[in-house]
């Protein structure tokens, strides 16, 4: 498969905000818009972003139309999700693949937006696991440097610091960086857009928040049995905030991960702050080549620019 990189964002470009999942807090969204503007971008917020229908930002038809409109608008250079939550999965069977392929754009989000990343990756489109307008951009809890480097292509691609990652299994691997939120990756198993057997080696990034260890084990086993790890060259986990066992438990989250992935002869590391992060959230380009080294030094390195 040939991977397509979106055009790099430049100062003055118009960035659209979409709400493909949960309802959006207007005050937080306004702060996130102000932050994007402080980075040098113009921002468009479609009229329907503030709608609410049960646990989503309006009907699936509204959310789909909003995303299609932002994709097709030649003036919009990039799209940032407002927030996660739930609801993106309902859009996948209705998205227009020809429209999206004809207008490759910077697309940023995480959590429930993992569904949209998977759909785009199945079509060879590079995307960005990064901060959302009514979340990290609103409260400044994102890594500004990695975000700008990823979406503008200015400066060297992201490399984790020496002490960022906890080594779980030694080794080195190189491949295309794919993945996202664990619960969404598991929910997508068995669907046409599932994280599946890889045509080329893949480095997998997996993160989540507030999932008890038994559910982490269950979802990793589900992904493993569905073939998601076939052809993987390495696995790096996020902070996994709120996923540790109780303080008095006689095991650690690291034990749960290693047991679920026993027999996979690939390097494994833990603690990359992206998505549901304990520290400033790093922006990871997905669909580009990367290298994971676990040993005396443990690092994730992005090996190429994610934009053209």
Protein backbone atom coordinates (compact mmCIF):
# COMPACT_ATOMS: atom_id res chain seq x y z
CA UNK A 1 0.00 0.00 0.00
CA UNK A 2 1.20 3.50 -0.84
CA UNK A 3 0.86 5.91 2.06
CA UNK A 4 -0.25 9.49 1.41
CA UNK A 5 0.97 12.39 3.54
CA UNK A 6 -1.16 15.53 3.89
CA UNK A 7 0.13 18.95 2.96
CA UNK A 8 2.03 20.64 5.78
CA UNK A 9 0.14 23.30 7.69
CA UNK A 10 1.51 26.82 7.37
CA UNK A 11 0.92 29.99 9.33
CA UNK A 12 -2.37 31.57 8.29
CA UNK A 13 -3.90 28.26 7.16
CA UNK A 14 -7.52 27.58 8.02
CA UNK A 15 -8.07 24.71 10.47
CA UNK A 16 -11.55 23.27 10.90
CA UNK A 17 -12.89 21.80 14.14
CA UNK A 18 -15.14 18.75 13.95
CA UNK A 19 -17.17 17.00 16.66
CA UNK A 20 -17.50 13.39 15.47
CA UNK A 21 -18.14 11.91 18.91
CA UNK A 22 -19.25 13.31 22.29
CA UNK A 23 -20.97 16.65 23.05
CA UNK A 24 -18.68 19.65 23.32
CA UNK A 25 -18.30 22.17 26.14
CA UNK A 26 -18.48 25.61 24.50
CA UNK A 27 -16.20 27.36 26.99
CA UNK A 28 -13.48 24.76 26.64
CA UNK A 29 -13.85 24.83 22.86
CA UNK A 30 -13.43 28.62 22.84
CA UNK A 31 -10.16 28.25 24.78
CA UNK A 32 -8.94 25.59 22.37
CA UNK A 33 -9.77 27.78 19.39
CA UNK A 34 -7.84 30.64 20.97
CA UNK A 35 -4.86 28.34 21.43
CA UNK A 36 -4.91 27.27 17.77
CA UNK A 37 -5.09 30.92 16.78
CA UNK A 38 -2.10 31.68 19.02
CA UNK A 39 -0.16 29.10 17.00
CA UNK A 40 -0.80 31.15 13.86
CA UNK A 41 -3.80 29.37 12.37
CA UNK A 42 -7.23 30.64 11.44
CA UNK A 43 -9.99 28.46 12.85
CA UNK A 44 -13.46 27.54 11.60
CA UNK A 45 -16.01 26.08 14.02
CA UNK A 46 -19.06 24.76 12.14
CA UNK A 47 -22.44 25.87 13.47
CA UNK A 48 -23.56 22.42 14.62
CA UNK A 49 -20.57 21.57 16.82
CA UNK A 50 -22.51 22.50 19.97
CA UNK A 51 -25.45 20.19 19.30
CA UNK A 52 -26.24 17.31 21.65
CA UNK A 53 -28.15 14.07 21.17
CA UNK A 54 -27.90 11.72 24.13
CA UNK A 55 -24.12 11.04 24.44
CA UNK A 56 -23.08 12.50 21.07
CA UNK A 57 -22.65 15.90 19.44
CA UNK A 58 -25.88 15.60 17.50
CA UNK A 59 -27.08 12.95 15.09
CA UNK A 60 -24.75 10.75 13.07
CA UNK A 61 -26.03 12.51 9.94
CA UNK A 62 -25.04 15.91 11.35
CA UNK A 63 -21.60 14.73 12.42
CA UNK A 64 -20.99 12.98 9.10
CA UNK A 65 -22.07 16.02 7.09
CA UNK A 66 -19.81 18.25 9.15
CA UNK A 67 -16.77 16.05 8.54
CA UNK A 68 -17.51 15.69 4.82
CA UNK A 69 -17.91 19.46 4.50
CA UNK A 70 -14.56 20.15 6.17
CA UNK A 71 -12.83 17.51 4.04
CA UNK A 72 -14.25 18.81 0.77
CA UNK A 73 -13.66 22.52 1.46
CA UNK A 74 -10.48 23.49 -0.38
CA UNK A 75 -9.89 26.40 2.01
CA UNK A 76 -9.64 24.07 5.03
CA UNK A 77 -6.06 22.82 5.34
CA UNK A 78 -6.44 20.66 8.44
CA UNK A 79 -9.04 19.20 10.81
CA UNK A 80 -8.81 18.95 14.60
CA UNK A 81 -11.34 16.95 16.63
CA UNK A 82 -13.09 18.82 19.43
CA UNK A 83 -13.09 15.86 21.82
CA UNK A 84 -13.53 12.10 22.07
CA UNK A 85 -16.25 10.33 23.99
CA UNK A 86 -18.40 8.06 21.84
CA UNK A 87 -20.02 8.10 18.42
CA UNK A 88 -17.26 8.10 15.80
CA UNK A 89 -17.80 4.43 15.01
CA UNK A 90 -21.26 5.16 13.64
CA UNK A 91 -19.70 7.27 10.87
CA UNK A 92 -17.35 4.68 9.42
CA UNK A 93 -19.75 2.81 7.19
CA UNK A 94 -21.05 6.12 5.80
CA UNK A 95 -17.81 8.01 5.12
CA UNK A 96 -17.11 8.70 1.45
CA UNK A 97 -13.75 7.07 0.69
CA UNK A 98 -13.38 8.82 -2.67
CA UNK A 99 -13.94 12.23 -1.10
CA UNK A 100 -11.45 11.65 1.70
CA UNK A 101 -8.83 10.20 -0.64
CA UNK A 102 -9.18 13.17 -2.99
CA UNK A 103 -8.57 15.67 -0.17
CA UNK A 104 -5.85 14.33 2.16
CA UNK A 105 -5.55 16.73 5.08
CA UNK A 106 -3.94 16.92 8.49
CA UNK A 107 -6.37 15.12 10.83
CA UNK A 108 -5.75 15.32 14.58
CA UNK A 109 -7.46 13.54 17.46
CA UNK A 110 -7.34 10.54 19.77
CA UNK A 111 -9.60 8.46 22.04
CA UNK A 112 -12.84 7.72 20.13
CA UNK A 113 -11.25 9.32 17.05
CA UNK A 114 -9.15 6.13 16.89
CA UNK A 115 -12.07 4.75 14.83
CA UNK A 116 -11.44 7.49 12.25
CA UNK A 117 -7.69 6.92 12.30
CA UNK A 118 -8.26 3.21 11.58
CA UNK A 119 -10.60 4.02 8.69
CA UNK A 120 -8.06 6.42 7.17
CA UNK A 121 -5.11 4.07 7.73
CA UNK A 122 -6.95 1.33 5.85
CA UNK A 123 -6.80 3.73 2.89
CA UNK A 124 -3.15 4.66 3.35
CA UNK A 125 -3.65 8.13 4.84
CA UNK A 126 -1.21 9.49 7.44
CA UNK A 127 -2.96 10.98 10.49
CA UNK A 128 -2.02 12.48 13.86
CA UNK A 129 -2.66 11.09 17.35
CA UNK A 130 -2.70 14.43 19.09
CA UNK A 131 -4.44 17.10 21.17
CA UNK A 132 -8.08 18.03 20.73
CA UNK A 133 -9.61 21.49 20.69
CA UNK A 134 -11.87 21.20 23.76
CA UNK A 135 -9.37 19.11 25.71
CA UNK A 136 -5.59 19.51 25.69
CA UNK A 137 -5.55 22.58 23.45
CA UNK A 138 -8.07 24.21 25.80
CA UNK A 139 -6.02 23.73 28.96
CA UNK A 140 -2.50 23.74 27.56
CA UNK A 141 -1.79 20.12 28.54
CA UNK A 142 -0.15 19.23 25.23
CA UNK A 143 3.41 19.23 23.97
CA UNK A 144 3.48 22.29 21.73
CA UNK A 145 6.80 21.44 20.10
CA UNK A 146 5.84 17.94 18.94
CA UNK A 147 2.48 19.20 17.67
CA UNK A 148 3.97 21.93 15.52
CA UNK A 149 6.80 19.73 14.25
CA UNK A 150 4.32 17.02 13.28
CA UNK A 151 1.75 19.14 11.44
CA UNK A 152 4.12 21.70 9.86
CA UNK A 153 7.12 19.46 9.14
CA UNK A 154 9.41 22.15 10.52
CA UNK A 155 12.24 20.74 12.62
CA UNK A 156 13.33 17.16 13.20
CA UNK A 157 10.67 14.50 13.74
CA UNK A 158 9.82 13.45 17.31
CA UNK A 159 12.25 11.38 19.38
CA UNK A 160 11.42 10.44 22.97
CA UNK A 161 13.80 11.47 25.72
CA UNK A 162 16.05 8.89 27.37
CA UNK A 163 13.99 8.65 30.57
CA UNK A 164 10.52 8.87 28.97
CA UNK A 165 9.87 5.15 28.50
CA UNK A 166 9.99 2.14 30.81
CA UNK A 167 11.61 -0.90 29.16
CA UNK A 168 9.51 -4.06 29.44
CA UNK A 169 11.09 -6.37 26.88
CA UNK A 170 14.46 -5.65 25.20
CA UNK A 171 15.07 -5.49 21.48
CA UNK A 172 14.79 -3.19 18.51
CA UNK A 173 12.19 -2.93 15.78
CA UNK A 174 11.28 -0.67 12.89
CA UNK A 175 7.99 -0.26 11.04
CA UNK A 176 4.99 1.97 10.39
CA UNK A 177 3.58 3.49 13.56
CA UNK A 178 -0.08 2.52 13.98
CA UNK A 179 -2.55 2.14 16.83
CA UNK A 180 -4.37 4.40 19.25
CA UNK A 181 -6.80 3.91 22.13
CA UNK A 182 -6.87 0.28 23.28
CA UNK A 183 -10.60 0.06 23.99
CA UNK A 184 -11.39 1.39 20.50
CA UNK A 185 -8.85 -0.89 18.83
CA UNK A 186 -10.50 -3.82 20.60
CA UNK A 187 -14.01 -2.63 19.68
CA UNK A 188 -12.97 -2.46 16.02
CA UNK A 189 -11.77 -6.08 15.94
CA UNK A 190 -13.81 -8.05 13.43
CA UNK A 191 -14.84 -4.98 11.44
CA UNK A 192 -13.54 -3.93 8.00
CA UNK A 193 -11.39 -1.22 9.60
CA UNK A 194 -9.83 -3.38 12.31
CA UNK A 195 -6.17 -3.18 13.19
CA UNK A 196 -5.22 -6.36 11.37
CA UNK A 197 -2.42 -8.37 9.88
CA UNK A 198 0.12 -5.96 8.51
CA UNK A 199 1.42 -5.94 4.94
CA UNK A 200 4.72 -4.58 6.26
CA UNK A 201 6.27 -4.44 9.73
CA UNK A 202 4.36 -2.18 12.10
CA UNK A 203 5.21 -0.50 15.37
CA UNK A 204 2.10 -0.41 17.50
CA UNK A 205 1.24 2.41 19.91
CA UNK A 206 -1.43 1.47 22.47
CA UNK A 207 -2.89 3.71 25.18
CA UNK A 208 -5.97 4.08 27.34
CA UNK A 209 -7.22 5.56 30.60
CA UNK A 210 -9.04 4.29 33.71
CA UNK A 211 -9.31 0.69 32.55
CA UNK A 212 -8.75 -1.90 35.32
CA UNK A 213 -5.98 -4.46 34.70
CA UNK A 214 -8.38 -7.32 33.98
CA UNK A 215 -9.88 -5.30 31.12
CA UNK A 216 -6.43 -4.40 29.81
CA UNK A 217 -5.64 -8.12 29.74
CA UNK A 218 -8.95 -8.96 28.07
CA UNK A 219 -8.52 -6.36 25.32
CA UNK A 220 -4.89 -7.26 24.61
CA UNK A 221 -5.84 -10.93 24.33
CA UNK A 222 -8.73 -10.02 22.02
CA UNK A 223 -6.40 -8.02 19.76
CA UNK A 224 -3.80 -10.77 19.81
CA UNK A 225 -6.29 -13.49 18.88
CA UNK A 226 -7.77 -11.31 16.13
CA UNK A 227 -4.34 -11.01 14.46
CA UNK A 228 -3.66 -7.37 15.33
CA UNK A 229 -0.13 -8.18 16.50
CA UNK A 230 0.79 -10.38 13.52
CA UNK A 231 3.73 -8.72 11.81
CA UNK A 232 4.32 -6.27 14.65
CA UNK A 233 7.95 -5.18 15.03
CA UNK A 234 7.46 -3.59 18.46
CA UNK A 235 4.85 -2.24 20.87
CA UNK A 236 4.96 0.97 22.88
CA UNK A 237 2.27 1.70 25.45
CA UNK A 238 1.09 5.09 26.62
CA UNK A 239 1.02 6.31 30.22
CA UNK A 240 -1.98 4.03 30.85
CA UNK A 241 -3.18 6.56 33.43
CA UNK A 242 -5.55 5.02 35.96
CA UNK A 243 -4.93 1.48 34.68
CA UNK A 244 -2.62 0.24 37.46
CA UNK A 245 -3.84 -2.35 39.98
CA UNK A 246 -4.76 -1.30 43.53
CA UNK A 247 -1.87 -0.20 45.71
CA UNK A 248 -1.85 -3.42 47.79
CA UNK A 249 -2.06 -5.77 44.80
CA UNK A 250 0.77 -8.29 44.46
CA UNK A 251 1.28 -7.54 40.76
CA UNK A 252 1.90 -4.52 38.52
CA UNK A 253 0.44 -3.38 35.23
CA UNK A 254 3.73 -4.37 33.61
CA UNK A 255 3.08 -7.99 34.66
CA UNK A 256 -0.37 -7.91 33.07
CA UNK A 257 1.01 -6.57 29.78
CA UNK A 258 3.86 -9.05 29.60
CA UNK A 259 1.60 -12.01 30.40
CA UNK A 260 -0.94 -10.99 27.73
CA UNK A 261 1.87 -10.62 25.16
CA UNK A 262 3.92 -13.65 26.25
CA UNK A 263 5.64 -15.32 23.31
CA UNK A 264 5.70 -12.23 21.11
CA UNK A 265 9.39 -11.74 20.41
CA UNK A 266 9.28 -7.97 19.97
CA UNK A 267 10.53 -5.01 22.01
CA UNK A 268 7.93 -3.58 24.41
CA UNK A 269 8.02 -0.29 26.30
CA UNK A 270 5.61 1.66 28.49
CA UNK A 271 5.02 5.33 29.32
CA UNK A 272 4.75 7.36 26.11
CA UNK A 273 2.68 10.45 26.98
CA UNK A 274 0.27 10.74 24.07
CA UNK A 275 -3.51 10.77 24.10
CA UNK A 276 -4.83 10.15 27.62
CA UNK A 277 -1.54 11.34 29.07
CA UNK A 278 -0.25 12.05 32.57
CA UNK A 279 2.11 14.72 31.24
CA UNK A 280 1.94 17.15 28.32
CA UNK A 281 0.48 15.08 25.47
CA UNK A 282 2.86 14.37 22.60
CA UNK A 283 1.59 14.40 19.01
CA UNK A 284 2.42 11.16 17.22
CA UNK A 285 2.12 10.90 13.44
CA UNK A 286 0.50 7.57 12.55
CA UNK A 287 1.30 5.83 9.27
CA UNK A 288 4.95 6.92 9.10
CA UNK A 289 8.09 4.87 9.68
CA UNK A 290 9.41 4.72 13.24
CA UNK A 291 11.92 2.79 15.33
CA UNK A 292 11.62 1.44 18.87
CA UNK A 293 14.77 0.56 20.78
CA UNK A 294 14.48 -1.05 24.22
CA UNK A 295 17.71 -1.64 26.11
CA UNK A 296 20.39 0.42 27.80
CA UNK A 297 18.52 3.36 26.30
CA UNK A 298 14.84 3.08 25.45
CA UNK A 299 13.54 5.37 22.73
CA UNK A 300 10.83 5.80 20.14
CA UNK A 301 12.06 7.65 17.05
CA UNK A 302 9.92 8.95 14.20
CA UNK A 303 12.05 8.41 11.10
CA UNK A 304 10.39 10.69 8.56
CA UNK A 305 8.33 13.82 8.18
CA UNK A 306 4.59 13.17 8.34
CA UNK A 307 3.60 15.96 5.93
CA UNK A 308 4.51 16.81 2.36
